[in-house]
Amino acid sequence: MSYYRYHVFFCTNVRDDGRACCGGHNAQGMRDYVKGRVKELGLAGPGKVRVSTAGCLDRCEEGPCIVVYPEATWYTYVDQDDLDEIVREHLQNGRRVKRLEI
């Protein structure tokens, strides 16, 4: 059994050469937001959800991205509403958010 039910990795990569990067979409702030929401909802901790920062996940051209394990579900997002939907549907209820998958 996995130590966490879900492990969420946020790409927070910043590129200085002008190429697309998740850091250019406030990825660190969005990660902080989701980490806070997960704690507020009582979802954080062993056997539950872990939200982590990742370096480059190499999908920046598709927009800011996160990946949720153990399913290896890749998502993009635009704003906090999208992230709230991922938290509610995937992390709380175990349902993928098809419209945000990449």
PDB file of N, CA and C in Angstrom:
ATOM      1  N   MET A   1       0.843  -1.187   0.000  1.00  0.00           N
ATOM      2  CA  MET A   1       0.000   0.000   0.000  1.00  0.00           C
ATOM      3  C   MET A   1       0.885   1.246   0.000  1.00  0.00           C
ATOM      4  N   SER A   2       0.470   2.236  -0.720  1.00  0.00           N
ATOM      5  CA  SER A   2       1.202   3.493  -0.802  1.00  0.00           C
ATOM      6  C   SER A   2       1.081   4.266   0.513  1.00  0.00           C
ATOM      7  N   TYR A   3       2.107   5.053   0.816  1.00  0.00           N
ATOM      8  CA  TYR A   3       2.091   5.860   2.038  1.00  0.00           C
ATOM      9  C   TYR A   3       1.016   6.947   1.971  1.00  0.00           C
ATOM     10  N   TYR A   4       0.788   7.474   0.763  1.00  0.00           N
ATOM     11  CA  TYR A   4      -0.264   8.476   0.546  1.00  0.00           C
ATOM     12  C   TYR A   4      -1.299   7.906  -0.419  1.00  0.00           C
ATOM     13  N   ARG A   5      -2.550   8.274  -0.230  1.00  0.00           N
ATOM     14  CA  ARG A   5      -3.578   7.878  -1.187  1.00  0.00           C
ATOM     15  C   ARG A   5      -3.305   8.561  -2.524  1.00  0.00           C
ATOM     16  N   TYR A   6      -3.002   9.880  -2.456  1.00  0.00           N
ATOM     17  CA  TYR A   6      -2.651  10.648  -3.644  1.00  0.00           C
ATOM     18  C   TYR A   6      -1.417  11.476  -3.361  1.00  0.00           C
ATOM     19  N   HIS A   7      -0.534  11.543  -4.341  1.00  0.00           N
ATOM     20  CA  HIS A   7       0.633  12.411  -4.264  1.00  0.00           C
ATOM     21  C   HIS A   7       0.577  13.326  -5.481  1.00  0.00           C
ATOM     22  N   VAL A   8       0.461  14.627  -5.227  1.00  0.00           N
ATOM     23  CA  VAL A   8       0.284  15.627  -6.277  1.00  0.00           C
ATOM     24  C   VAL A   8       1.598  16.377  -6.461  1.00  0.00           C
ATOM     25  N   PHE A   9       2.110  16.366  -7.680  1.00  0.00           N
ATOM     26  CA  PHE A   9       3.341  17.081  -8.003  1.00  0.00           C
ATOM     27  C   PHE A   9       3.017  18.274  -8.894  1.00  0.00           C
ATOM     28  N   PHE A  10       3.430  19.459  -8.459  1.00  0.00           N
ATOM     29  CA  PHE A  10       3.259  20.697  -9.224  1.00  0.00           C
ATOM     30  C   PHE A  10       4.571  21.045  -9.907  1.00  0.00           C
ATOM     31  N   CYS A  11       4.541  21.187 -11.230  1.00  0.00           N
ATOM     32  CA  CYS A  11       5.703  21.726 -11.927  1.00  0.00           C
ATOM     33  C   CYS A  11       5.785  23.206 -11.591  1.00  0.00           C
ATOM     34  N   THR A  12       6.935  23.633 -11.107  1.00  0.00           N
ATOM     35  CA  THR A  12       7.152  25.043 -10.776  1.00  0.00           C
ATOM     36  C   THR A  12       8.361  25.596 -11.525  1.00  0.00           C
ATOM     37  N   ASN A  13       8.725  24.919 -12.594  1.00  0.00           N
ATOM     38  CA  ASN A  13       9.924  25.277 -13.347  1.00  0.00           C
ATOM     39  C   ASN A  13       9.865  26.705 -13.885  1.00  0.00           C
ATOM     40  N   VAL A  14      10.995  27.390 -13.794  1.00  0.00           N
ATOM     41  CA  VAL A  14      11.154  28.739 -14.347  1.00  0.00           C
ATOM     42  C   VAL A  14      12.269  28.684 -15.379  1.00  0.00           C
ATOM     43  N   ARG A  15      11.962  29.125 -16.593  1.00  0.00           N
ATOM     44  CA  ARG A  15      12.966  29.177 -17.663  1.00  0.00           C
ATOM     45  C   ARG A  15      13.287  30.634 -17.955  1.00  0.00           C
ATOM     46  N   ASP A  16      14.546  30.915 -18.107  1.00  0.00           N
ATOM     47  CA  ASP A  16      14.989  32.281 -18.372  1.00  0.00           C
ATOM     48  C   ASP A  16      15.178  32.570 -19.856  1.00  0.00           C
ATOM     49  N   ASP A  17      14.957  31.569 -20.707  1.00  0.00           N
ATOM     50  CA  ASP A  17      15.240  31.738 -22.132  1.00  0.00           C
ATOM     51  C   ASP A  17      14.012  32.086 -22.974  1.00  0.00           C
ATOM     52  N   GLY A  18      12.885  32.390 -22.335  1.00  0.00           N
ATOM     53  CA  GLY A  18      11.693  32.785 -23.071  1.00  0.00           C
ATOM     54  C   GLY A  18      10.762  31.649 -23.450  1.00  0.00           C
ATOM     55  N   ARG A  19      11.201  30.405 -23.278  1.00  0.00           N
ATOM     56  CA  ARG A  19      10.312  29.278 -23.582  1.00  0.00           C
ATOM     57  C   ARG A  19       9.214  29.168 -22.525  1.00  0.00           C
ATOM     58  N   ALA A  20       8.131  28.517 -22.900  1.00  0.00           N
ATOM     59  CA  ALA A  20       7.018  28.323 -21.967  1.00  0.00           C
ATOM     60  C   ALA A  20       7.496  27.627 -20.700  1.00  0.00           C
ATOM     61  N   CYS A  21       6.955  28.077 -19.568  1.00  0.00           N
ATOM     62  CA  CYS A  21       7.284  27.425 -18.300  1.00  0.00           C
ATOM     63  C   CYS A  21       6.122  27.586 -17.332  1.00  0.00           C
ATOM     64  N   CYS A  22       5.988  26.608 -16.478  1.00  0.00           N
ATOM     65  CA  CYS A  22       4.898  26.640 -15.496  1.00  0.00           C
ATOM     66  C   CYS A  22       5.077  27.789 -14.511  1.00  0.00           C
ATOM     67  N   GLY A  23       6.314  28.108 -14.185  1.00  0.00           N
ATOM     68  CA  GLY A  23       6.577  29.212 -13.266  1.00  0.00           C
ATOM     69  C   GLY A  23       6.019  30.534 -13.761  1.00  0.00           C
ATOM     70  N   GLY A  24       5.882  30.674 -15.061  1.00  0.00           N
ATOM     71  CA  GLY A  24       5.312  31.882 -15.650  1.00  0.00           C
ATOM     72  C   GLY A  24       3.804  31.997 -15.450  1.00  0.00           C
ATOM     73  N   HIS A  25       3.199  30.969 -14.869  1.00  0.00           N
ATOM     74  CA  HIS A  25       1.757  30.950 -14.605  1.00  0.00           C
ATOM     75  C   HIS A  25       1.471  30.917 -13.105  1.00  0.00           C
ATOM     76  N   ASN A  26       2.387  31.470 -12.308  1.00  0.00           N
ATOM     77  CA  ASN A  26       2.234  31.488 -10.859  1.00  0.00           C
ATOM     78  C   ASN A  26       2.094  30.084 -10.279  1.00  0.00           C
ATOM     79  N   ALA A  27       2.857  29.139 -10.808  1.00  0.00           N
ATOM     80  CA  ALA A  27       2.754  27.747 -10.373  1.00  0.00           C
ATOM     81  C   ALA A  27       3.049  27.586  -8.885  1.00  0.00           C
ATOM     82  N   GLN A  28       4.034  28.314  -8.369  1.00  0.00           N
ATOM     83  CA  GLN A  28       4.345  28.192  -6.946  1.00  0.00           C
ATOM     84  C   GLN A  28       3.182  28.691  -6.094  1.00  0.00           C
ATOM     85  N   GLY A  29       2.579  29.790  -6.484  1.00  0.00           N
ATOM     86  CA  GLY A  29       1.428  30.298  -5.757  1.00  0.00           C
ATOM     87  C   GLY A  29       0.237  29.352  -5.836  1.00  0.00           C
ATOM     88  N   MET A  30       0.042  28.737  -6.982  1.00  0.00           N
ATOM     89  CA  MET A  30      -1.044  27.777  -7.143  1.00  0.00           C
ATOM     90  C   MET A  30      -0.788  26.521  -6.308  1.00  0.00           C
ATOM     91  N   ARG A  31       0.463  26.075  -6.262  1.00  0.00           N
ATOM     92  CA  ARG A  31       0.806  24.936  -5.414  1.00  0.00           C
ATOM     93  C   ARG A  31       0.514  25.259  -3.961  1.00  0.00           C
ATOM     94  N   ASP A  32       0.924  26.453  -3.527  1.00  0.00           N
ATOM     95  CA  ASP A  32       0.670  26.875  -2.146  1.00  0.00           C
ATOM     96  C   ASP A  32      -0.824  26.902  -1.853  1.00  0.00           C
ATOM     97  N   TYR A  33      -1.606  27.361  -2.823  1.00  0.00           N
ATOM     98  CA  TYR A  33      -3.053  27.413  -2.664  1.00  0.00           C
ATOM     99  C   TYR A  33      -3.619  26.006  -2.451  1.00  0.00           C
ATOM    100  N   VAL A  34      -3.235  25.059  -3.319  1.00  0.00           N
ATOM    101  CA  VAL A  34      -3.760  23.697  -3.211  1.00  0.00           C
ATOM    102  C   VAL A  34      -3.298  23.043  -1.917  1.00  0.00           C
ATOM    103  N   LYS A  35      -2.053  23.255  -1.552  1.00  0.00           N
ATOM    104  CA  LYS A  35      -1.545  22.687  -0.299  1.00  0.00           C
ATOM    105  C   LYS A  35      -2.377  23.203   0.883  1.00  0.00           C
ATOM    106  N   GLY A  36      -2.693  24.483   0.879  1.00  0.00           N
ATOM    107  CA  GLY A  36      -3.522  25.062   1.925  1.00  0.00           C
ATOM    108  C   GLY A  36      -4.927  24.494   1.932  1.00  0.00           C
ATOM    109  N   ARG A  37      -5.522  24.347   0.748  1.00  0.00           N
ATOM    110  CA  ARG A  37      -6.883  23.788   0.650  1.00  0.00           C
ATOM    111  C   ARG A  37      -6.918  22.344   1.151  1.00  0.00           C
ATOM    112  N   VAL A  38      -5.920  21.573   0.771  1.00  0.00           N
ATOM    113  CA  VAL A  38      -5.862  20.175   1.203  1.00  0.00           C
ATOM    114  C   VAL A  38      -5.792  20.107   2.731  1.00  0.00           C
ATOM    115  N   LYS A  39      -5.006  20.981   3.333  1.00  0.00           N
ATOM    116  CA  LYS A  39      -4.928  21.014   4.803  1.00  0.00           C
ATOM    117  C   LYS A  39      -6.251  21.458   5.413  1.00  0.00           C
ATOM    118  N   GLU A  40      -6.837  22.522   4.862  1.00  0.00           N
ATOM    119  CA  GLU A  40      -8.125  23.031   5.372  1.00  0.00           C
ATOM    120  C   GLU A  40      -9.219  21.976   5.345  1.00  0.00           C
ATOM    121  N   LEU A  41      -9.198  21.146   4.313  1.00  0.00           N
ATOM    122  CA  LEU A  41     -10.234  20.129   4.135  1.00  0.00           C
ATOM    123  C   LEU A  41      -9.929  18.845   4.911  1.00  0.00           C
ATOM    124  N   GLY A  42      -8.814  18.811   5.624  1.00  0.00           N
ATOM    125  CA  GLY A  42      -8.449  17.631   6.397  1.00  0.00           C
ATOM    126  C   GLY A  42      -7.984  16.463   5.547  1.00  0.00           C
ATOM    127  N   LEU A  43      -7.497  16.776   4.358  1.00  0.00           N
ATOM    128  CA  LEU A  43      -7.061  15.724   3.435  1.00  0.00           C
ATOM    129  C   LEU A  43      -5.570  15.427   3.521  1.00  0.00           C
ATOM    130  N   ALA A  44      -4.814  16.232   4.257  1.00  0.00           N
ATOM    131  CA  ALA A  44      -3.353  16.089   4.287  1.00  0.00           C
ATOM    132  C   ALA A  44      -2.909  15.039   5.295  1.00  0.00           C
ATOM    133  N   GLY A  45      -1.799  14.382   4.982  1.00  0.00           N
ATOM    134  CA  GLY A  45      -1.182  13.478   5.939  1.00  0.00           C
ATOM    135  C   GLY A  45      -1.070  12.055   5.440  1.00  0.00           C
ATOM    136  N   PRO A  46      -0.401  11.215   6.205  1.00  0.00           N
ATOM    137  CA  PRO A  46      -0.227   9.807   5.830  1.00  0.00           C
ATOM    138  C   PRO A  46      -1.566   9.129   5.555  1.00  0.00           C
ATOM    139  N   GLY A  47      -1.604   8.380   4.459  1.00  0.00           N
ATOM    140  CA  GLY A  47      -2.818   7.701   4.064  1.00  0.00           C
ATOM    141  C   GLY A  47      -3.798   8.601   3.335  1.00  0.00           C
ATOM    142  N   LYS A  48      -3.434   9.867   3.193  1.00  0.00           N
ATOM    143  CA  LYS A  48      -4.334  10.830   2.548  1.00  0.00           C
ATOM    144  C   LYS A  48      -3.647  11.462   1.345  1.00  0.00           C
ATOM    145  N   VAL A  49      -3.412  12.779   1.386  1.00  0.00           N
ATOM    146  CA  VAL A  49      -2.885  13.512   0.228  1.00  0.00           C
ATOM    147  C   VAL A  49      -1.607  14.237   0.602  1.00  0.00           C
ATOM    148  N   ARG A  50      -0.656  14.221  -0.307  1.00  0.00           N
ATOM    149  CA  ARG A  50       0.582  14.994  -0.185  1.00  0.00           C
ATOM    150  C   ARG A  50       0.705  15.865  -1.428  1.00  0.00           C
ATOM    151  N   VAL A  51       0.979  17.154  -1.233  1.00  0.00           N
ATOM    152  CA  VAL A  51       1.194  18.090  -2.343  1.00  0.00           C
ATOM    153  C   VAL A  51       2.660  18.493  -2.314  1.00  0.00           C
ATOM    154  N   SER A  52       3.355  18.292  -3.437  1.00  0.00           N
ATOM    155  CA  SER A  52       4.792  18.546  -3.508  1.00  0.00           C
ATOM    156  C   SER A  52       5.150  19.437  -4.689  1.00  0.00           C
ATOM    157  N   THR A  53       6.267  20.099  -4.552  1.00  0.00           N
ATOM    158  CA  THR A  53       6.849  20.881  -5.638  1.00  0.00           C
ATOM    159  C   THR A  53       7.747  19.975  -6.457  1.00  0.00           C
ATOM    160  N   ALA A  54       7.641  20.091  -7.758  1.00  0.00           N
ATOM    161  CA  ALA A  54       8.529  19.349  -8.659  1.00  0.00           C
ATOM    162  C   ALA A  54       9.325  20.355  -9.476  1.00  0.00           C
ATOM    163  N   GLY A  55      10.444  19.926  -9.938  1.00  0.00           N
ATOM    164  CA  GLY A  55      11.163  20.720 -10.921  1.00  0.00           C
ATOM    165  C   GLY A  55      10.420  20.587 -12.238  1.00  0.00           C
ATOM    166  N   CYS A  56      11.096  20.692 -13.318  1.00  0.00           N
ATOM    167  CA  CYS A  56      10.451  20.614 -14.624  1.00  0.00           C
ATOM    168  C   CYS A  56       9.882  19.221 -14.864  1.00  0.00           C
ATOM    169  N   LEU A  57       8.610  19.176 -15.214  1.00  0.00           N
ATOM    170  CA  LEU A  57       7.968  17.919 -15.591  1.00  0.00           C
ATOM    171  C   LEU A  57       7.954  17.752 -17.108  1.00  0.00           C
ATOM    172  N   ASP A  58       8.534  18.716 -17.816  1.00  0.00           N
ATOM    173  CA  ASP A  58       8.758  18.668 -19.266  1.00  0.00           C
ATOM    174  C   ASP A  58       7.470  18.634 -20.089  1.00  0.00           C
ATOM    175  N   ARG A  59       6.428  19.301 -19.585  1.00  0.00           N
ATOM    176  CA  ARG A  59       5.188  19.436 -20.355  1.00  0.00           C
ATOM    177  C   ARG A  59       4.722  20.889 -20.345  1.00  0.00           C
ATOM    178  N   CYS A  60       5.628  21.801 -20.110  1.00  0.00           N
ATOM    179  CA  CYS A  60       5.295  23.217 -19.955  1.00  0.00           C
ATOM    180  C   CYS A  60       4.587  23.804 -21.178  1.00  0.00           C
ATOM    181  N   GLU A  61       4.855  23.264 -22.352  1.00  0.00           N
ATOM    182  CA  GLU A  61       4.233  23.783 -23.568  1.00  0.00           C
ATOM    183  C   GLU A  61       2.725  23.567 -23.569  1.00  0.00           C
ATOM    184  N   GLU A  62       2.239  22.666 -22.718  1.00  0.00           N
ATOM    185  CA  GLU A  62       0.811  22.372 -22.652  1.00  0.00           C
ATOM    186  C   GLU A  62       0.109  23.198 -21.583  1.00  0.00           C
ATOM    187  N   GLY A  63       0.819  24.144 -21.006  1.00  0.00           N
ATOM    188  CA  GLY A  63       0.268  24.974 -19.935  1.00  0.00           C
ATOM    189  C   GLY A  63       0.790  24.493 -18.604  1.00  0.00           C
ATOM    190  N   PRO A  64       0.489  25.205 -17.531  1.00  0.00           N
ATOM    191  CA  PRO A  64       0.962  24.776 -16.219  1.00  0.00           C
ATOM    192  C   PRO A  64       0.408  23.377 -15.937  1.00  0.00           C
ATOM    193  N   CYS A  65       1.231  22.537 -15.321  1.00  0.00           N
ATOM    194  CA  CYS A  65       0.780  21.158 -15.154  1.00  0.00           C
ATOM    195  C   CYS A  65       1.056  20.601 -13.768  1.00  0.00           C
ATOM    196  N   ILE A  66       0.222  19.631 -13.431  1.00  0.00           N
ATOM    197  CA  ILE A  66       0.411  18.829 -12.238  1.00  0.00           C
ATOM    198  C   ILE A  66       0.195  17.373 -12.634  1.00  0.00           C
ATOM    199  N   VAL A  67       0.728  16.473 -11.828  1.00  0.00           N
ATOM    200  CA  VAL A  67       0.478  15.054 -12.032  1.00  0.00           C
ATOM    201  C   VAL A  67       0.080  14.460 -10.688  1.00  0.00           C
ATOM    202  N   VAL A  68      -0.947  13.623 -10.717  1.00  0.00           N
ATOM    203  CA  VAL A  68      -1.467  12.996  -9.503  1.00  0.00           C
ATOM    204  C   VAL A  68      -1.171  11.497  -9.569  1.00  0.00           C
ATOM    205  N   TYR A  69      -0.445  11.031  -8.566  1.00  0.00           N
ATOM    206  CA  TYR A  69      -0.152   9.601  -8.448  1.00  0.00           C
ATOM    207  C   TYR A  69      -0.974   9.017  -7.322  1.00  0.00           C
ATOM    208  N   PRO A  70      -1.354   7.746  -7.387  1.00  0.00           N
ATOM    209  CA  PRO A  70      -0.713   6.693  -8.162  1.00  0.00           C
ATOM    210  C   PRO A  70      -1.237   6.503  -9.576  1.00  0.00           C
ATOM    211  N   GLU A  71      -2.297   7.210  -9.971  1.00  0.00           N
ATOM    212  CA  GLU A  71      -2.862   6.984 -11.302  1.00  0.00           C
ATOM    213  C   GLU A  71      -2.046   7.597 -12.433  1.00  0.00           C
ATOM    214  N   ALA A  72      -1.110   8.478 -12.108  1.00  0.00           N
ATOM    215  CA  ALA A  72      -0.338   9.197 -13.129  1.00  0.00           C
ATOM    216  C   ALA A  72      -1.279  10.000 -14.035  1.00  0.00           C
ATOM    217  N   THR A  73      -2.202  10.716 -13.408  1.00  0.00           N
ATOM    218  CA  THR A  73      -3.138  11.571 -14.135  1.00  0.00           C
ATOM    219  C   THR A  73      -2.528  12.961 -14.259  1.00  0.00           C
ATOM    220  N   TRP A  74      -2.373  13.420 -15.493  1.00  0.00           N
ATOM    221  CA  TRP A  74      -1.793  14.723 -15.781  1.00  0.00           C
ATOM    222  C   TRP A  74      -2.898  15.734 -16.010  1.00  0.00           C
ATOM    223  N   TYR A  75      -2.748  16.895 -15.351  1.00  0.00           N
ATOM    224  CA  TYR A  75      -3.716  17.978 -15.501  1.00  0.00           C
ATOM    225  C   TYR A  75      -3.016  19.283 -15.865  1.00  0.00           C
ATOM    226  N   THR A  76      -3.767  20.131 -16.549  1.00  0.00           N
ATOM    227  CA  THR A  76      -3.400  21.527 -16.684  1.00  0.00           C
ATOM    228  C   THR A  76      -4.485  22.335 -15.975  1.00  0.00           C
ATOM    229  N   TYR A  77      -4.222  23.597 -15.739  1.00  0.00           N
ATOM    230  CA  TYR A  77      -5.192  24.449 -15.045  1.00  0.00           C
ATOM    231  C   TYR A  77      -4.990  25.884 -15.494  1.00  0.00           C
ATOM    232  N   VAL A  78      -6.031  26.684 -15.299  1.00  0.00           N
ATOM    233  CA  VAL A  78      -5.955  28.099 -15.626  1.00  0.00           C
ATOM    234  C   VAL A  78      -5.982  28.940 -14.359  1.00  0.00           C
ATOM    235  N   ASP A  79      -6.804  28.521 -13.400  1.00  0.00           N
ATOM    236  CA  ASP A  79      -7.007  29.346 -12.213  1.00  0.00           C
ATOM    237  C   ASP A  79      -7.345  28.485 -10.994  1.00  0.00           C
ATOM    238  N   GLN A  80      -7.635  29.146  -9.889  1.00  0.00           N
ATOM    239  CA  GLN A  80      -7.951  28.432  -8.655  1.00  0.00           C
ATOM    240  C   GLN A  80      -9.239  27.629  -8.783  1.00  0.00           C
ATOM    241  N   ASP A  81     -10.172  28.071  -9.600  1.00  0.00           N
ATOM    242  CA  ASP A  81     -11.408  27.308  -9.797  1.00  0.00           C
ATOM    243  C   ASP A  81     -11.105  25.929 -10.377  1.00  0.00           C
ATOM    244  N   ASP A  82     -10.190  25.880 -11.354  1.00  0.00           N
ATOM    245  CA  ASP A  82      -9.795  24.586 -11.925  1.00  0.00           C
ATOM    246  C   ASP A  82      -9.162  23.704 -10.851  1.00  0.00           C
ATOM    247  N   LEU A  83      -8.309  24.298 -10.041  1.00  0.00           N
ATOM    248  CA  LEU A  83      -7.644  23.529  -8.985  1.00  0.00           C
ATOM    249  C   LEU A  83      -8.634  23.072  -7.924  1.00  0.00           C
ATOM    250  N   ASP A  84      -9.604  23.908  -7.590  1.00  0.00           N
ATOM    251  CA  ASP A  84     -10.653  23.504  -6.649  1.00  0.00           C
ATOM    252  C   ASP A  84     -11.413  22.288  -7.191  1.00  0.00           C
ATOM    253  N   GLU A  85     -11.659  22.294  -8.483  1.00  0.00           N
ATOM    254  CA  GLU A  85     -12.365  21.163  -9.097  1.00  0.00           C
ATOM    255  C   GLU A  85     -11.532  19.885  -9.005  1.00  0.00           C
ATOM    256  N   ILE A  86     -10.231  19.984  -9.236  1.00  0.00           N
ATOM    257  CA  ILE A  86      -9.353  18.816  -9.117  1.00  0.00           C
ATOM    258  C   ILE A  86      -9.330  18.311  -7.678  1.00  0.00           C
ATOM    259  N   VAL A  87      -9.233  19.223  -6.720  1.00  0.00           N
ATOM    260  CA  VAL A  87      -9.242  18.822  -5.304  1.00  0.00           C
ATOM    261  C   VAL A  87     -10.562  18.129  -4.978  1.00  0.00           C
ATOM    262  N   ARG A  88     -11.662  18.745  -5.351  1.00  0.00           N
ATOM    263  CA  ARG A  88     -12.989  18.207  -5.017  1.00  0.00           C
ATOM    264  C   ARG A  88     -13.241  16.866  -5.705  1.00  0.00           C
ATOM    265  N   GLU A  89     -13.039  16.844  -7.009  1.00  0.00           N
ATOM    266  CA  GLU A  89     -13.399  15.645  -7.766  1.00  0.00           C
ATOM    267  C   GLU A  89     -12.381  14.519  -7.621  1.00  0.00           C
ATOM    268  N   HIS A  90     -11.106  14.826  -7.836  1.00  0.00           N
ATOM    269  CA  HIS A  90     -10.100  13.757  -7.834  1.00  0.00           C
ATOM    270  C   HIS A  90      -9.637  13.406  -6.417  1.00  0.00           C
ATOM    271  N   LEU A  91      -9.205  14.408  -5.667  1.00  0.00           N
ATOM    272  CA  LEU A  91      -8.609  14.121  -4.365  1.00  0.00           C
ATOM    273  C   LEU A  91      -9.639  13.754  -3.299  1.00  0.00           C
ATOM    274  N   GLN A  92     -10.815  14.331  -3.369  1.00  0.00           N
ATOM    275  CA  GLN A  92     -11.856  14.002  -2.380  1.00  0.00           C
ATOM    276  C   GLN A  92     -12.717  12.827  -2.826  1.00  0.00           C
ATOM    277  N   ASN A  93     -13.082  12.796  -4.102  1.00  0.00           N
ATOM    278  CA  ASN A  93     -14.063  11.820  -4.563  1.00  0.00           C
ATOM    279  C   ASN A  93     -13.525  10.744  -5.498  1.00  0.00           C
ATOM    280  N   GLY A  94     -12.243  10.807  -5.843  1.00  0.00           N
ATOM    281  CA  GLY A  94     -11.639   9.763  -6.663  1.00  0.00           C
ATOM    282  C   GLY A  94     -12.070   9.732  -8.115  1.00  0.00           C
ATOM    283  N   ARG A  95     -12.575  10.877  -8.611  1.00  0.00           N
ATOM    284  CA  ARG A  95     -13.013  10.959 -10.002  1.00  0.00           C
ATOM    285  C   ARG A  95     -12.106  11.900 -10.785  1.00  0.00           C
ATOM    286  N   ARG A  96     -11.616  11.426 -11.903  1.00  0.00           N
ATOM    287  CA  ARG A  96     -10.779  12.268 -12.751  1.00  0.00           C
ATOM    288  C   ARG A  96     -11.588  13.425 -13.330  1.00  0.00           C
ATOM    289  N   VAL A  97     -10.893  14.542 -13.554  1.00  0.00           N
ATOM    290  CA  VAL A  97     -11.516  15.712 -14.178  1.00  0.00           C
ATOM    291  C   VAL A  97     -11.074  15.700 -15.642  1.00  0.00           C
ATOM    292  N   LYS A  98     -11.873  15.055 -16.463  1.00  0.00           N
ATOM    293  CA  LYS A  98     -11.507  14.820 -17.879  1.00  0.00           C
ATOM    294  C   LYS A  98     -11.195  16.116 -18.621  1.00  0.00           C
ATOM    295  N   ARG A  99     -11.948  17.172 -18.380  1.00  0.00           N
ATOM    296  CA  ARG A  99     -11.765  18.406 -19.150  1.00  0.00           C
ATOM    297  C   ARG A  99     -10.422  19.057 -18.900  1.00  0.00           C
ATOM    298  N   LEU A 100      -9.752  18.732 -17.794  1.00  0.00           N
ATOM    299  CA  LEU A 100      -8.456  19.333 -17.469  1.00  0.00           C
ATOM    300  C   LEU A 100      -7.281  18.381 -17.725  1.00  0.00           C
ATOM    301  N   GLU A 101      -7.568  17.169 -18.145  1.00  0.00           N
ATOM    302  CA  GLU A 101      -6.486  16.197 -18.388  1.00  0.00           C
ATOM    303  C   GLU A 101      -5.671  16.581 -19.629  1.00  0.00           C
ATOM    304  N   ILE A 102      -4.388  16.301 -19.535  1.00  0.00           N
ATOM    305  CA  ILE A 102      -3.496  16.459 -20.702  1.00  0.00           C
ATOM    306  C   ILE A 102      -2.786  15.144 -20.952  1.00  0.00           C
TER     307      ILE A 102
END
